[in-house]
C-alpha cells in the first residue's frame, strides 16, 4: 500500500486541486470556528465518537495471513495520520470540522487497536505522540500534509478531502486481499466513516468557501457516488 505516499506527493507537488472561483485561504465563509484554540487542544487519548464501533472480540478468531498482518498495522498508522493531521490543522485554523472528525479518527484507531490486541501484534503507534510515526513514509507525509494544510482554510480542507480519498482507496484494496470476518467488519466500518468525512469536507468547501473539490485519487464516478452530484 504505497498509493498514499505517491499520490499525496503528486498533490503536494502540483500545489493545489482544481477549484472553481478565486478565494483566499483566510476567509471563514460561515464555517464554525473556534476562537484561537490553545496549543494541544483535543490531543488527549481516547476521545469518543458517536460512531458505532464493532465488537471485534465477539467475532471469531482466525489465522492471519502476512497480508492481513500488514493491513492491520498499516491502517493503524494511516488512521493515526488522519487524526494527527486534523488535530494539528484544527490548532492552525480553528475550524471545528477538524476537531470533530479527529474524534472519529480516534475511534477508527481504537477499532484497529482491538484487532492488534486480539491477535497479539505489536502496535506501531504505541508510545507515539501527535505527529510521531513508526513508518518513515507516513512520518514524511504527515510533515508535508501539515505544511500544505497550514497555508489557509481552503488548503486545509483540501488536504482533509485528499486523506479521506486515499483512505477509501487503500481500504478497498485491503478488503480485496483479506478474508477474516473481523478484519472485514472493521475495515468496512472505517470505509463508511471515510465516506462520511469526505462528504463533510467537500460540503464545507462548497458551502462556506464556494470551492468545488475535484477528486485526486478516486474516479469521478466513484467520487460522485459518495458525495452526490
Foldseek 3Di string as FASTA:
>chain_A
DCCVLVLVVVCVVVQHFDKPDDDAQAAFQPFDFDDQDDPCVLQDADQAAPQDADDLVVADDDDDDPLRVVLLQVQLVLLLLLLLLLVLLCNLRRGCLSSRLSSVSSVLNVLSVVVCVVVVHDHQCPPPGRLDGPDVSSSVSSVSLSVQLSRGNLSVLLSQLQSLLVLLVSLVVSLVVDDRPSSNVSSVSVNVSSLVSNLVSQCCCCNRPVIHGDDSRDDPVVNCVSNPD
